[in-house]
Structures are given as structure tokens and as C-alpha cells.
Amino acid sequence: MTTQTVTSAVAQQRDSSPAALVRKYRTDFATVLPSHIKPETWLRIATGALRRSPQLAHAAEKNPTSLLVALLDAARKGLEPGTEQYYLVPRKTKRGPEVVGITGYQGEVELMYRAGAVSSVKVEVVREHDTFAYNPGEHDRPVHEINWRADRGDLVLAYAYAKMRDGATSNVSVLSAEDIAVILSKAEGADSPFSPWQWNPKAMWLKSAAHQLAKWVPTSAERVWQPDGPSPETPPAAPVSLPTVEDVVDAEVVEDWPAAPTDAPDGER
């Protein structure tokens, strides 16, 4: 064994960064990932999210177990962590910083397509100056007209529906501003300045409507329907061993977050 090899091995043992922790449990993540997801690609996306956000890395360092729980949830769903499929949100609590995982509307829709029962999914928001009509029993889907040249005003509704492969239209999910307010009040981590509820409320209105629709149409983490091949069987879930308190040691909790990055998003994207 060369000196360089020994030095590299020692450095790996001493690396206690969140990214190193993700790599340590890569086998556990690979075990629960859907069969069509490449584990190495998924791991690169996860560690990339930690590199891009100092606030996320800080929360993960202080509470690594919360990071692993969020990543395990993303892995089971086969969604990309730290993207609009699956947000990783740092937040402060009385116990100190922690990481919260939130499925985004793109993730909700992706799970519907994977199940293979829908041919298309429509998820939209309605603003106060739009024209919107939907009467259950009279319309099979909403009638939504937008004047793109005018100020559309504030968000007032969100809706979602799917066209099924047999030609039928699913139930339609329509959520009012009052409905969204109730969802927001119960949303974990929504008070964090890094939560998409704060910097991209439109996306979370869309997610709420899509999540309601998911109660009425099939969803799957596995890609059940494939246009050019047979449908794979869903493998049985395997046990996953998350770290215990003895496995990770939290560092001292600080009062303030590091400064926000200059490219932090603001407003709707």
C-alpha cells in the first residue's frame, strides 16, 4: 500500500461532511430506488444539491439524520432530490436546523405517468382576471381562458385533471385560496425562507392540486408502462438501516444561518 493510498483512506475516514454521509449510505438508497433509476446518477444529484446550497449543507451537517430521512423518501419515490421534483428545504426549529423533504408538483405528475394509466395530466393555476368555469356533471373538465397580454392578478384557484388512456377524464381537483391556506398551515417547513412556499408559491399551488388528483388516479414509483417494452414487475421493498443516534453526532447549534447565496431564487420561476 502506497503512502498516497493510506492518505486517501485516512481522509475518507475523517470526512464527516453531509456529502460523505450520503455516499456512506449509497447502498441503502440504491436498494429502495425504482429499478429504472440509476443509483450513481441519483447520488450525484443529491450531493450536487448539497454543494449548491450552503444553507442546506449547514442544516444537513447539524442534523444529518433529517437529511437521510428526506433522501430516503425521495429515493423510494424515485424522484430527484434538490430539484422541482423533490425539494430539500433547510429550516430552523427549537431543536436546531433540520432538512425537510417536499415532493414538488413535477414529482407528483411524474408518479402518475409512471403508473401508465394516464395519457396526459393538466395542472394549472387560475388568477383573478382569468375566465374559469367548471360545473361537475355539466363539464368533464374545466374551461380556462387567459388573456396573456393583460395583468392576470393574484392566484385564486388551482386545478388538475388527467386524461386516461381509455379516453375518459379523471375526477377534477379544484382548490380555492381557502383550501390552499389550510394546506399551507399544515405544511412542514413552510415557514422557512428557503421553502418553495415562500419563494415559489405558484409551484406549491400546483403541487397541492396535483397531490389531490393523485388520490383519484394510479401512481407508481416504478415505471410500469413502457412504450417500447414489457412492463417490469415491481420488486419487493427491502429493509433499510438508517443511522441511529450513535451513528451520527450533531455539532453545536448556531443562532443564525450562513448568508443566503446571491443566486437564491425570488418570486415565481
Protein backbone atom coordinates (compact mmCIF):
# COMPACT_ATOMS: atom_id res chain seq x y z
CA MET A 1 0.00 0.00 0.00
CA THR A 2 1.47 3.33 -1.04
CA THR A 3 1.63 6.46 1.09
CA GLN A 4 -0.88 8.12 -1.23
CA THR A 5 -3.35 5.25 -0.75
CA VAL A 6 -3.02 5.41 3.04
CA THR A 7 -3.51 9.19 2.99
CA SER A 8 -6.61 8.85 0.85
CA ALA A 9 -8.09 6.19 3.15
CA VAL A 10 -7.47 8.32 6.25
CA ALA A 11 -9.01 11.36 4.57
CA GLN A 12 -12.14 9.36 3.73
CA GLN A 13 -12.46 8.20 7.33
CA ARG A 14 -12.16 11.78 8.58
CA ASP A 15 -14.65 13.20 6.04
CA SER A 16 -17.82 13.75 8.03
CA SER A 17 -19.47 16.12 5.54
CA PRO A 18 -23.11 15.62 4.51
CA ALA A 19 -21.96 14.53 1.04
CA ALA A 20 -19.73 11.87 2.62
CA LEU A 21 -22.69 10.67 4.69
CA VAL A 22 -24.78 10.32 1.53
CA ARG A 23 -22.03 8.25 -0.06
CA LYS A 24 -21.79 6.11 3.09
CA TYR A 25 -25.44 5.08 2.74
CA ARG A 26 -25.42 4.77 -1.05
CA THR A 27 -26.16 1.03 -0.84
CA ASP A 28 -29.29 1.70 1.23
CA PHE A 29 -30.51 4.31 -1.24
CA ALA A 30 -29.78 2.02 -4.19
CA THR A 31 -31.81 -0.73 -2.51
CA VAL A 32 -35.03 1.30 -2.45
CA LEU A 33 -34.65 3.22 -5.71
CA PRO A 34 -37.02 2.13 -8.51
CA SER A 35 -35.37 -0.23 -10.98
CA HIS A 36 -35.28 2.30 -13.84
CA ILE A 37 -33.31 4.88 -11.81
CA LYS A 38 -29.51 4.68 -11.97
CA PRO A 39 -28.20 4.91 -8.38
CA GLU A 40 -24.99 6.71 -9.31
CA THR A 41 -26.88 9.39 -11.21
CA TRP A 42 -29.31 9.83 -8.33
CA LEU A 43 -26.44 10.11 -5.83
CA ARG A 44 -24.69 12.76 -7.95
CA ILE A 45 -27.90 14.81 -7.99
CA ALA A 46 -28.24 14.50 -4.20
CA THR A 47 -24.66 15.56 -3.46
CA GLY A 48 -24.92 18.31 -6.07
CA ALA A 49 -27.88 19.79 -4.20
CA LEU A 50 -25.76 19.97 -1.04
CA ARG A 51 -22.96 21.75 -2.89
CA ARG A 52 -25.29 24.32 -4.43
CA SER A 53 -26.92 25.45 -1.18
CA PRO A 54 -24.78 26.45 1.83
CA GLN A 55 -27.96 26.64 3.95
CA LEU A 56 -28.93 23.09 3.05
CA ALA A 57 -25.42 21.80 3.71
CA HIS A 58 -25.39 23.64 7.06
CA ALA A 59 -28.72 22.11 8.16
CA ALA A 60 -27.60 18.67 6.98
CA GLU A 61 -24.37 18.96 8.95
CA LYS A 62 -26.21 19.92 12.14
CA ASN A 63 -28.95 17.31 11.72
CA PRO A 64 -27.70 14.58 9.35
CA THR A 65 -30.49 12.19 10.29
CA SER A 66 -33.11 14.61 8.92
CA LEU A 67 -31.19 14.73 5.63
CA LEU A 68 -31.09 10.94 5.37
CA VAL A 69 -34.81 10.63 6.14
CA ALA A 70 -35.65 13.15 3.39
CA LEU A 71 -33.34 11.44 0.90
CA LEU A 72 -34.77 8.03 1.71
CA ASP A 73 -38.27 9.35 0.96
CA ALA A 74 -37.05 10.79 -2.35
CA ALA A 75 -35.29 7.51 -3.19
CA ARG A 76 -38.37 5.39 -2.51
CA LYS A 77 -40.36 7.62 -4.86
CA GLY A 78 -37.56 7.67 -7.43
CA LEU A 79 -37.52 11.47 -7.52
CA GLU A 80 -34.52 13.75 -7.94
CA PRO A 81 -33.68 15.45 -4.61
CA GLY A 82 -32.95 19.15 -4.63
CA THR A 83 -34.98 19.74 -7.80
CA GLU A 84 -38.58 20.73 -8.57
CA GLN A 85 -39.42 17.03 -8.43
CA TYR A 86 -38.41 16.87 -4.76
CA TYR A 87 -37.35 19.91 -2.73
CA LEU A 88 -34.81 19.71 0.10
CA VAL A 89 -35.67 22.56 2.45
CA PRO A 90 -33.48 23.73 5.35
CA ARG A 91 -35.38 25.19 8.27
CA LYS A 92 -34.85 26.27 11.88
CA THR A 93 -36.62 24.56 14.74
CA LYS A 94 -36.36 24.74 18.52
CA ARG A 95 -34.11 21.70 18.26
CA GLY A 96 -31.87 23.45 15.75
CA PRO A 97 -31.56 23.31 11.94
CA GLU A 98 -33.02 20.37 10.03
CA VAL A 99 -33.80 19.27 6.47
CA VAL A 100 -37.37 18.73 5.28
CA GLY A 101 -38.24 16.85 2.09
CA ILE A 102 -41.17 18.10 -0.02
CA THR A 103 -42.48 16.42 -3.16
CA GLY A 104 -42.93 19.07 -5.86
CA TYR A 105 -45.71 19.17 -8.45
CA GLN A 106 -43.38 17.82 -11.12
CA GLY A 107 -42.74 14.84 -8.87
CA GLU A 108 -46.46 14.27 -8.30
CA VAL A 109 -47.10 14.29 -12.05
CA GLU A 110 -44.10 12.05 -12.76
CA LEU A 111 -45.51 9.37 -10.42
CA MET A 112 -48.81 9.46 -12.33
CA TYR A 113 -47.15 8.99 -15.71
CA ARG A 114 -45.06 6.09 -14.42
CA ALA A 115 -48.18 4.12 -13.49
CA GLY A 116 -49.18 4.11 -17.16
CA ALA A 117 -52.92 4.73 -16.72
CA VAL A 118 -52.89 8.37 -17.89
CA SER A 119 -52.06 9.76 -21.32
CA SER A 120 -51.80 13.38 -20.16
CA VAL A 121 -52.01 15.41 -16.96
CA LYS A 122 -53.14 19.03 -16.78
CA VAL A 123 -52.15 21.10 -13.73
CA GLU A 124 -52.77 24.85 -13.76
CA VAL A 125 -53.37 27.91 -11.58
CA VAL A 126 -56.16 30.42 -12.12
CA ARG A 127 -55.61 34.12 -11.47
CA GLU A 128 -58.27 36.67 -10.60
CA HIS A 129 -58.59 38.14 -14.12
CA ASP A 130 -58.72 34.76 -15.91
CA THR A 131 -62.00 33.28 -17.12
CA PHE A 132 -62.71 29.96 -15.44
CA ALA A 133 -65.77 27.70 -15.47
CA TYR A 134 -66.26 24.20 -14.16
CA ASN A 135 -69.58 22.63 -13.14
CA PRO A 136 -69.34 18.94 -12.19
CA GLY A 137 -71.91 16.95 -14.12
CA GLU A 138 -72.03 19.57 -16.87
CA HIS A 139 -68.35 19.84 -17.78
CA ASP A 140 -65.99 16.88 -17.88
CA ARG A 141 -63.08 19.28 -17.48
CA PRO A 142 -62.56 22.99 -16.63
CA VAL A 143 -62.86 25.74 -19.24
CA HIS A 144 -59.98 28.13 -18.59
CA GLU A 145 -59.27 31.20 -20.73
CA ILE A 146 -56.29 33.52 -20.22
CA ASN A 147 -55.60 36.96 -21.64
CA TRP A 148 -51.82 36.75 -21.86
CA ARG A 149 -51.49 40.45 -22.70
CA ALA A 150 -53.20 41.66 -19.53
CA ASP A 151 -52.26 41.60 -15.86
CA ARG A 152 -53.71 38.33 -14.62
CA GLY A 153 -53.81 39.34 -10.95
CA ASP A 154 -53.37 37.21 -7.85
CA LEU A 155 -53.65 33.45 -7.55
CA VAL A 156 -57.23 32.40 -6.77
CA LEU A 157 -57.55 28.72 -7.77
CA ALA A 158 -55.52 25.68 -8.71
CA TYR A 159 -56.85 22.68 -10.62
CA ALA A 160 -55.68 19.35 -12.01
CA TYR A 161 -57.12 16.51 -14.04
CA ALA A 162 -55.86 13.65 -16.18
CA LYS A 163 -56.89 12.16 -19.48
CA MET A 164 -56.87 8.40 -19.12
CA ARG A 165 -55.58 6.00 -21.76
CA ASP A 166 -59.10 4.71 -22.35
CA GLY A 167 -60.19 8.23 -23.32
CA ALA A 168 -62.03 9.05 -20.10
CA THR A 169 -61.34 12.13 -18.00
CA SER A 170 -60.45 11.67 -14.35
CA ASN A 171 -62.07 13.45 -11.46
CA VAL A 172 -61.10 17.11 -11.43
CA SER A 173 -59.27 18.57 -8.45
CA VAL A 174 -60.13 22.23 -7.84
CA LEU A 175 -58.65 24.06 -4.85
CA SER A 176 -59.62 27.57 -3.74
CA ALA A 177 -57.38 30.08 -1.99
CA GLU A 178 -59.02 28.99 1.28
CA ASP A 179 -58.17 25.35 0.55
CA ILE A 180 -54.56 26.29 -0.16
CA ALA A 181 -54.40 28.31 3.08
CA VAL A 182 -55.41 25.22 5.07
CA ILE A 183 -52.78 23.11 3.29
CA LEU A 184 -50.15 25.79 3.90
CA SER A 185 -50.97 25.93 7.62
CA LYS A 186 -50.24 22.21 7.91
CA ALA A 187 -47.17 22.09 5.64
CA GLU A 188 -43.98 21.12 7.44
CA GLY A 189 -41.17 23.60 6.85
CA ALA A 190 -43.39 26.11 5.04
CA ASP A 191 -42.23 28.93 7.32
CA SER A 192 -38.62 28.55 6.22
CA PRO A 193 -37.40 31.35 3.93
CA PHE A 194 -35.92 28.58 1.75
CA SER A 195 -39.25 26.76 1.37
CA PRO A 196 -40.86 26.89 -2.09
CA TRP A 197 -44.00 28.06 -0.28
CA GLN A 198 -42.11 31.31 0.29
CA TRP A 199 -40.16 31.84 -2.94
CA ASN A 200 -42.35 29.96 -5.45
CA PRO A 201 -45.95 29.83 -4.18
CA LYS A 202 -47.29 29.10 -7.66
CA ALA A 203 -45.39 25.81 -7.73
CA MET A 204 -46.87 24.80 -4.39
CA TRP A 205 -50.42 25.65 -5.51
CA LEU A 206 -49.78 23.37 -8.49
CA LYS A 207 -48.35 20.67 -6.22
CA SER A 208 -51.42 20.84 -3.95
CA ALA A 209 -53.81 20.34 -6.87
CA ALA A 210 -51.68 17.53 -8.30
CA HIS A 211 -51.45 15.84 -4.90
CA GLN A 212 -55.26 15.89 -4.63
CA LEU A 213 -55.55 14.42 -8.13
CA ALA A 214 -53.15 11.62 -7.12
CA LYS A 215 -55.88 10.30 -4.81
CA TRP A 216 -58.02 9.52 -7.89
CA VAL A 217 -55.53 8.21 -10.47
CA PRO A 218 -52.93 5.45 -10.19
CA THR A 219 -49.37 6.41 -9.24
CA SER A 220 -46.21 4.36 -9.14
CA ALA A 221 -42.57 4.88 -8.22
CA GLU A 222 -41.71 2.11 -10.69
CA ARG A 223 -42.11 2.78 -14.37
CA VAL A 224 -44.93 0.33 -15.04
CA TRP A 225 -45.79 1.31 -18.60
CA GLN A 226 -43.07 1.46 -21.25
CA PRO A 227 -43.84 2.32 -24.89
CA ASP A 228 -41.16 0.05 -26.34
CA GLY A 229 -41.01 -2.87 -23.97
CA PRO A 230 -42.75 -5.05 -21.38
CA SER A 231 -43.84 -3.70 -18.03
CA PRO A 232 -41.34 -4.54 -15.30
CA GLU A 233 -42.55 -6.15 -12.13
CA THR A 234 -42.35 -4.05 -9.02
CA PRO A 235 -39.66 -5.56 -6.75
CA PRO A 236 -40.48 -6.12 -3.08
CA ALA A 237 -39.39 -3.42 -0.67
CA ALA A 238 -36.14 -4.18 1.12
CA PRO A 239 -35.29 -3.16 4.66
CA VAL A 240 -33.16 -0.06 5.03
CA SER A 241 -30.99 0.71 8.02
CA LEU A 242 -30.94 4.42 8.78
CA PRO A 243 -28.32 5.73 11.20
CA THR A 244 -29.07 5.78 14.90
CA VAL A 245 -28.12 8.47 17.37
CA GLU A 246 -24.87 6.57 17.96
CA ASP A 247 -24.02 6.67 14.27
CA VAL A 248 -24.12 10.45 13.92
CA VAL A 249 -23.05 13.18 16.30
CA ASP A 250 -24.67 16.60 15.93
CA ALA A 251 -22.39 19.58 16.21
CA GLU A 252 -23.14 22.69 18.24
CA VAL A 253 -26.20 24.59 17.03
CA VAL A 254 -25.56 28.16 15.91
CA GLU A 255 -28.03 31.02 16.14
CA ASP A 256 -28.04 32.24 12.54
CA TRP A 257 -27.92 30.73 9.09
CA PRO A 258 -25.00 31.50 6.80
CA ALA A 259 -25.68 34.31 4.34
CA ALA A 260 -28.02 33.38 1.51
CA PRO A 261 -26.34 32.81 -1.87
CA THR A 262 -26.56 35.69 -4.31
CA ASP A 263 -28.41 33.48 -6.81
CA ALA A 264 -31.15 32.48 -4.37
CA PRO A 265 -34.47 32.44 -6.24
CA ASP A 266 -37.10 35.07 -5.60
CA GLY A 267 -40.61 35.17 -6.95
CA GLU A 268 -42.09 32.64 -9.35
CA ARG A 269 -39.98 30.72 -11.79
